[in-house]
PDB file of all heavy atoms in Angstrom:
ATOM      1  N   SER A   1     161.580 -57.964 173.293  1.00  0.00           N
ATOM      2  CA  SER A   1     162.971 -57.533 173.445  1.00  0.00           C
ATOM      3  C   SER A   1     163.550 -57.082 172.107  1.00  0.00           C
ATOM      4  O   SER A   1     164.434 -56.225 172.069  1.00  0.00           O
ATOM      5  CB  SER A   1     163.821 -58.660 174.036  1.00  0.00           C
ATOM      6  OG  SER A   1     163.994 -59.711 173.103  1.00  0.00           O
ATOM      7  N   ILE A   2     163.053 -57.654 171.005  1.00  0.00           N
ATOM      8  CA  ILE A   2     163.529 -57.249 169.679  1.00  0.00           C
ATOM      9  C   ILE A   2     163.071 -55.828 169.356  1.00  0.00           C
ATOM     10  O   ILE A   2     163.814 -55.035 168.777  1.00  0.00           O
ATOM     11  CB  ILE A   2     163.024 -58.229 168.601  1.00  0.00           C
ATOM     12  CG1 ILE A   2     163.696 -59.598 168.788  1.00  0.00           C
ATOM     13  CG2 ILE A   2     163.292 -57.692 167.195  1.00  0.00           C
ATOM     14  CD1 ILE A   2     163.201 -60.660 167.824  1.00  0.00           C
ATOM     15  N   GLN A   3     161.847 -55.478 169.766  1.00  0.00           N
ATOM     16  CA  GLN A   3     161.334 -54.131 169.487  1.00  0.00           C
ATOM     17  C   GLN A   3     161.909 -53.092 170.442  1.00  0.00           C
ATOM     18  O   GLN A   3     161.985 -51.906 170.098  1.00  0.00           O
ATOM     19  CB  GLN A   3     159.799 -54.137 169.599  1.00  0.00           C
ATOM     20  CG  GLN A   3     159.107 -52.930 168.978  1.00  0.00           C
ATOM     21  CD  GLN A   3     159.170 -51.659 169.811  1.00  0.00           C
ATOM     22  OE1 GLN A   3     159.234 -51.730 171.034  1.00  0.00           O
ATOM     23  NE2 GLN A   3     159.125 -50.505 169.161  1.00  0.00           N
ATOM     24  N   LEU A   4     162.320 -53.507 171.622  1.00  0.00           N
ATOM     25  CA  LEU A   4     162.723 -52.581 172.681  1.00  0.00           C
ATOM     26  C   LEU A   4     163.752 -51.530 172.262  1.00  0.00           C
ATOM     27  O   LEU A   4     163.589 -50.344 172.590  1.00  0.00           O
ATOM     28  CB  LEU A   4     163.228 -53.376 173.891  1.00  0.00           C
ATOM     29  CG  LEU A   4     163.599 -52.567 175.129  1.00  0.00           C
ATOM     30  CD1 LEU A   4     162.392 -51.795 175.647  1.00  0.00           C
ATOM     31  CD2 LEU A   4     164.147 -53.488 176.219  1.00  0.00           C
ATOM     32  N   PRO A   5     164.835 -51.882 171.554  1.00  0.00           N
ATOM     33  CA  PRO A   5     165.821 -50.850 171.187  1.00  0.00           C
ATOM     34  C   PRO A   5     165.218 -49.691 170.395  1.00  0.00           C
ATOM     35  O   PRO A   5     165.615 -48.534 170.584  1.00  0.00           O
ATOM     36  CB  PRO A   5     166.846 -51.618 170.347  1.00  0.00           C
ATOM     37  CG  PRO A   5     166.708 -53.029 170.764  1.00  0.00           C
ATOM     38  CD  PRO A   5     165.264 -53.211 171.087  1.00  0.00           C
ATOM     39  N   PHE A   6     164.260 -49.979 169.523  1.00  0.00           N
ATOM     40  CA  PHE A   6     163.634 -48.918 168.727  1.00  0.00           C
ATOM     41  C   PHE A   6     162.909 -47.914 169.624  1.00  0.00           C
ATOM     42  O   PHE A   6     163.029 -46.696 169.448  1.00  0.00           O
ATOM     43  CB  PHE A   6     162.657 -49.523 167.716  1.00  0.00           C
ATOM     44  CG  PHE A   6     163.288 -50.440 166.716  1.00  0.00           C
ATOM     45  CD1 PHE A   6     163.231 -51.819 166.875  1.00  0.00           C
ATOM     46  CD2 PHE A   6     163.970 -49.936 165.621  1.00  0.00           C
ATOM     47  CE1 PHE A   6     163.823 -52.674 165.967  1.00  0.00           C
ATOM     48  CE2 PHE A   6     164.562 -50.777 164.691  1.00  0.00           C
ATOM     49  CZ  PHE A   6     164.493 -52.148 164.872  1.00  0.00           C
ATOM     50  N   THR A   7     162.173 -48.441 170.611  1.00  0.00           N
ATOM     51  CA  THR A   7     161.459 -47.566 171.547  1.00  0.00           C
ATOM     52  C   THR A   7     162.443 -46.777 172.402  1.00  0.00           C
ATOM     53  O   THR A   7     162.254 -45.577 172.637  1.00  0.00           O
ATOM     54  CB  THR A   7     160.527 -48.397 172.455  1.00  0.00           C
ATOM     55  OG1 THR A   7     159.510 -49.008 171.654  1.00  0.00           O
ATOM     56  CG2 THR A   7     159.868 -47.511 173.506  1.00  0.00           C
ATOM     57  N   VAL A   8     163.509 -47.427 172.862  1.00  0.00           N
ATOM     58  CA  VAL A   8     164.475 -46.756 173.736  1.00  0.00           C
ATOM     59  C   VAL A   8     165.210 -45.644 172.993  1.00  0.00           C
ATOM     60  O   VAL A   8     165.362 -44.527 173.511  1.00  0.00           O
ATOM     61  CB  VAL A   8     165.479 -47.765 174.330  1.00  0.00           C
ATOM     62  CG1 VAL A   8     166.549 -47.037 175.137  1.00  0.00           C
ATOM     63  CG2 VAL A   8     164.759 -48.769 175.220  1.00  0.00           C
ATOM     64  N   PHE A   9     165.675 -45.922 171.782  1.00  0.00           N
ATOM     65  CA  PHE A   9     166.366 -44.883 171.006  1.00  0.00           C
ATOM     66  C   PHE A   9     165.443 -43.692 170.749  1.00  0.00           C
ATOM     67  O   PHE A   9     165.864 -42.533 170.823  1.00  0.00           O
ATOM     68  CB  PHE A   9     166.875 -45.450 169.677  1.00  0.00           C
ATOM     69  CG  PHE A   9     168.182 -46.180 169.785  1.00  0.00           C
ATOM     70  CD1 PHE A   9     168.269 -47.536 169.488  1.00  0.00           C
ATOM     71  CD2 PHE A   9     169.334 -45.512 170.185  1.00  0.00           C
ATOM     72  CE1 PHE A   9     169.475 -48.218 169.591  1.00  0.00           C
ATOM     73  CE2 PHE A   9     170.554 -46.186 170.297  1.00  0.00           C
ATOM     74  CZ  PHE A   9     170.618 -47.535 169.990  1.00  0.00           C
ATOM     75  N   LEU A  10     164.169 -43.969 170.451  1.00  0.00           N
ATOM     76  CA  LEU A  10     163.191 -42.895 170.257  1.00  0.00           C
ATOM     77  C   LEU A  10     163.010 -42.093 171.540  1.00  0.00           C
ATOM     78  O   LEU A  10     163.050 -40.853 171.534  1.00  0.00           O
ATOM     79  CB  LEU A  10     161.850 -43.492 169.823  1.00  0.00           C
ATOM     80  CG  LEU A  10     160.673 -42.518 169.725  1.00  0.00           C
ATOM     81  CD1 LEU A  10     160.892 -41.514 168.607  1.00  0.00           C
ATOM     82  CD2 LEU A  10     159.361 -43.284 169.518  1.00  0.00           C
ATOM     83  N   GLN A  11     162.813 -42.798 172.648  1.00  0.00           N
ATOM     84  CA  GLN A  11     162.584 -42.148 173.937  1.00  0.00           C
ATOM     85  C   GLN A  11     163.766 -41.277 174.347  1.00  0.00           C
ATOM     86  O   GLN A  11     163.584 -40.116 174.751  1.00  0.00           O
ATOM     87  CB  GLN A  11     162.330 -43.212 175.003  1.00  0.00           C
ATOM     88  CG  GLN A  11     162.222 -42.664 176.432  1.00  0.00           C
ATOM     89  CD  GLN A  11     162.054 -43.773 177.446  1.00  0.00           C
ATOM     90  OE1 GLN A  11     161.264 -44.699 177.227  1.00  0.00           O
ATOM     91  NE2 GLN A  11     162.773 -43.706 178.561  1.00  0.00           N
ATOM     92  N   VAL A  12     164.976 -41.811 174.234  1.00  0.00           N
ATOM     93  CA  VAL A  12     166.164 -41.066 174.662  1.00  0.00           C
ATOM     94  C   VAL A  12     166.401 -39.858 173.766  1.00  0.00           C
ATOM     95  O   VAL A  12     166.798 -38.782 174.239  1.00  0.00           O
ATOM     96  CB  VAL A  12     167.408 -41.976 174.666  1.00  0.00           C
ATOM     97  CG1 VAL A  12     168.629 -41.199 175.139  1.00  0.00           C
ATOM     98  CG2 VAL A  12     167.181 -43.179 175.570  1.00  0.00           C
ATOM     99  N   GLY A  13     166.121 -40.014 172.476  1.00  0.00           N
ATOM    100  CA  GLY A  13     166.250 -38.877 171.575  1.00  0.00           C
ATOM    101  C   GLY A  13     165.331 -37.733 171.967  1.00  0.00           C
ATOM    102  O   GLY A  13     165.718 -36.551 171.913  1.00  0.00           O
ATOM    103  N   LEU A  14     164.128 -38.070 172.413  1.00  0.00           N
ATOM    104  CA  LEU A  14     163.161 -37.048 172.827  1.00  0.00           C
ATOM    105  C   LEU A  14     163.544 -36.422 174.162  1.00  0.00           C
ATOM    106  O   LEU A  14     163.524 -35.199 174.321  1.00  0.00           O
ATOM    107  CB  LEU A  14     161.758 -37.660 172.920  1.00  0.00           C
ATOM    108  CG  LEU A  14     161.091 -38.050 171.597  1.00  0.00           C
ATOM    109  CD1 LEU A  14     159.847 -38.903 171.857  1.00  0.00           C
ATOM    110  CD2 LEU A  14     160.720 -36.809 170.797  1.00  0.00           C
ATOM    111  N   THR A  15     163.903 -37.259 175.139  1.00  0.00           N
ATOM    112  CA  THR A  15     164.179 -36.731 176.477  1.00  0.00           C
ATOM    113  C   THR A  15     165.536 -36.033 176.559  1.00  0.00           C
ATOM    114  O   THR A  15     165.808 -35.328 177.530  1.00  0.00           O
ATOM    115  CB  THR A  15     164.116 -37.855 177.540  1.00  0.00           C
ATOM    116  OG1 THR A  15     165.012 -38.912 177.179  1.00  0.00           O
ATOM    117  CG2 THR A  15     162.702 -38.401 177.658  1.00  0.00           C
ATOM    118  N   SER A  16     166.385 -36.229 175.541  1.00  0.00           N
ATOM    119  CA  SER A  16     167.675 -35.535 175.507  1.00  0.00           C
ATOM    120  C   SER A  16     167.593 -34.202 174.755  1.00  0.00           C
ATOM    121  O   SER A  16     168.559 -33.429 174.760  1.00  0.00           O
ATOM    122  CB  SER A  16     168.742 -36.418 174.841  1.00  0.00           C
ATOM    123  OG  SER A  16     168.938 -37.611 175.572  1.00  0.00           O
ATOM    124  N   SER A  17     166.464 -33.959 174.113  1.00  0.00           N
ATOM    125  CA  SER A  17     166.293 -32.752 173.301  1.00  0.00           C
ATOM    126  C   SER A  17     165.813 -31.574 174.147  1.00  0.00           C
ATOM    127  O   SER A  17     164.776 -31.660 174.816  1.00  0.00           O
ATOM    128  CB  SER A  17     165.287 -33.018 172.182  1.00  0.00           C
ATOM    129  OG  SER A  17     164.926 -31.824 171.535  1.00  0.00           O
ATOM    130  N   LYS A  18     166.544 -30.485 174.093  1.00  0.00           N
ATOM    131  CA  LYS A  18     166.119 -29.271 174.810  1.00  0.00           C
ATOM    132  C   LYS A  18     164.888 -28.649 174.164  1.00  0.00           C
ATOM    133  O   LYS A  18     164.118 -27.945 174.830  1.00  0.00           O
ATOM    134  CB  LYS A  18     167.264 -28.267 174.861  1.00  0.00           C
ATOM    135  CG  LYS A  18     168.401 -28.708 175.775  1.00  0.00           C
ATOM    136  CD  LYS A  18     169.436 -27.613 175.965  1.00  0.00           C
ATOM    137  CE  LYS A  18     170.509 -28.067 176.965  1.00  0.00           C
ATOM    138  NZ  LYS A  18     171.539 -27.029 177.183  1.00  0.00           N
ATOM    139  N   ARG A  19     164.699 -28.903 172.879  1.00  0.00           N
ATOM    140  CA  ARG A  19     163.498 -28.409 172.201  1.00  0.00           C
ATOM    141  C   ARG A  19     162.245 -29.069 172.776  1.00  0.00           C
ATOM    142  O   ARG A  19     161.177 -28.450 172.853  1.00  0.00           O
ATOM    143  CB  ARG A  19     163.588 -28.717 170.701  1.00  0.00           C
ATOM    144  CG  ARG A  19     162.424 -28.170 169.878  1.00  0.00           C
ATOM    145  CD  ARG A  19     162.750 -28.248 168.402  1.00  0.00           C
ATOM    146  NE  ARG A  19     162.710 -29.620 167.907  1.00  0.00           N
ATOM    147  CZ  ARG A  19     161.636 -30.173 167.311  1.00  0.00           C
ATOM    148  NH1 ARG A  19     160.530 -29.460 167.152  1.00  0.00           N
ATOM    149  NH2 ARG A  19     161.685 -31.399 166.867  1.00  0.00           N
ATOM    150  N   VAL A  20     162.382 -30.310 173.222  1.00  0.00           N
ATOM    151  CA  VAL A  20     161.257 -31.050 173.789  1.00  0.00           C
ATOM    152  C   VAL A  20     161.149 -30.825 175.298  1.00  0.00           C
ATOM    153  O   VAL A  20     160.078 -30.535 175.823  1.00  0.00           O
ATOM    154  CB  VAL A  20     161.395 -32.561 173.503  1.00  0.00           C
ATOM    155  CG1 VAL A  20     160.234 -33.341 174.126  1.00  0.00           C
ATOM    156  CG2 VAL A  20     161.466 -32.820 172.010  1.00  0.00           C
ATOM    157  N   MET A  21     162.278 -30.958 175.996  1.00  0.00           N
ATOM    158  CA  MET A  21     162.283 -30.986 177.458  1.00  0.00           C
ATOM    159  C   MET A  21     162.721 -29.680 178.108  1.00  0.00           C
ATOM    160  O   MET A  21     162.593 -29.524 179.331  1.00  0.00           O
ATOM    161  CB  MET A  21     163.210 -32.105 177.935  1.00  0.00           C
ATOM    162  CG  MET A  21     162.819 -33.493 177.469  1.00  0.00           C
ATOM    163  SD  MET A  21     161.327 -34.109 178.261  1.00  0.00           S
ATOM    164  CE  MET A  21     161.958 -34.469 179.908  1.00  0.00           C
ATOM    165  N   GLY A  22     163.268 -28.737 177.314  1.00  0.00           N
ATOM    166  CA  GLY A  22     163.745 -27.492 177.901  1.00  0.00           C
ATOM    167  C   GLY A  22     164.879 -27.746 178.873  1.00  0.00           C
ATOM    168  O   GLY A  22     165.779 -28.544 178.613  1.00  0.00           O
ATOM    169  N   LYS A  23     164.823 -27.108 180.029  1.00  0.00           N
ATOM    170  CA  LYS A  23     165.895 -27.255 181.012  1.00  0.00           C
ATOM    171  C   LYS A  23     165.877 -28.615 181.716  1.00  0.00           C
ATOM    172  O   LYS A  23     166.794 -28.940 182.474  1.00  0.00           O
ATOM    173  CB  LYS A  23     165.815 -26.142 182.053  1.00  0.00           C
ATOM    174  CG  LYS A  23     164.526 -26.123 182.859  1.00  0.00           C
ATOM    175  CD  LYS A  23     164.497 -24.921 183.787  1.00  0.00           C
ATOM    176  CE  LYS A  23     163.199 -24.841 184.577  1.00  0.00           C
ATOM    177  NZ  LYS A  23     163.150 -23.645 185.439  1.00  0.00           N
ATOM    178  N   TYR A  24     164.817 -29.413 181.467  1.00  0.00           N
ATOM    179  CA  TYR A  24     164.731 -30.740 182.079  1.00  0.00           C
ATOM    180  C   TYR A  24     165.272 -31.835 181.164  1.00  0.00           C
ATOM    181  O   TYR A  24     165.090 -33.021 181.445  1.00  0.00           O
ATOM    182  CB  TYR A  24     163.275 -31.061 182.434  1.00  0.00           C
ATOM    183  CG  TYR A  24     162.696 -30.145 183.486  1.00  0.00           C
ATOM    184  CD1 TYR A  24     161.821 -29.128 183.130  1.00  0.00           C
ATOM    185  CD2 TYR A  24     163.031 -30.278 184.832  1.00  0.00           C
ATOM    186  CE1 TYR A  24     161.286 -28.273 184.077  1.00  0.00           C
ATOM    187  CE2 TYR A  24     162.502 -29.431 185.798  1.00  0.00           C
ATOM    188  CZ  TYR A  24     161.630 -28.430 185.410  1.00  0.00           C
ATOM    189  OH  TYR A  24     161.104 -27.585 186.352  1.00  0.00           O
ATOM    190  N   ALA A  25     165.934 -31.442 180.070  1.00  0.00           N
ATOM    191  CA  ALA A  25     166.516 -32.428 179.148  1.00  0.00           C
ATOM    192  C   ALA A  25     167.576 -33.269 179.859  1.00  0.00           C
ATOM    193  O   ALA A  25     168.182 -32.840 180.849  1.00  0.00           O
ATOM    194  CB  ALA A  25     167.131 -31.714 177.943  1.00  0.00           C
ATOM    195  N   ASN A  26     167.804 -34.483 179.370  1.00  0.00           N
ATOM    196  CA  ASN A  26     168.790 -35.380 179.979  1.00  0.00           C
ATOM    197  C   ASN A  26     170.169 -34.725 180.043  1.00  0.00           C
ATOM    198  O   ASN A  26     170.579 -34.015 179.120  1.00  0.00           O
ATOM    199  CB  ASN A  26     168.924 -36.668 179.165  1.00  0.00           C
ATOM    200  CG  ASN A  26     167.651 -37.484 179.149  1.00  0.00           C
ATOM    201  OD1 ASN A  26     166.858 -37.433 180.077  1.00  0.00           O
ATOM    202  ND2 ASN A  26     167.459 -38.248 178.086  1.00  0.00           N
ATOM    203  N   SER A  27     170.880 -34.984 181.114  1.00  0.00           N
ATOM    204  CA  SER A  27     172.283 -34.582 181.180  1.00  0.00           C
ATOM    205  C   SER A  27     173.086 -35.501 180.275  1.00  0.00           C
ATOM    206  O   SER A  27     172.591 -36.525 179.795  1.00  0.00           O
ATOM    207  CB  SER A  27     172.793 -34.696 182.618  1.00  0.00           C
ATOM    208  OG  SER A  27     172.782 -36.058 183.041  1.00  0.00           O
TER     209      SER A  27
END
């Protein structure tokens, strides 16, 4: 649980990026 925030912030940063996800980026 201590490590979890680091993984989540990384994951959300990637999935929110249009450079990574294109039109499928997070709303």
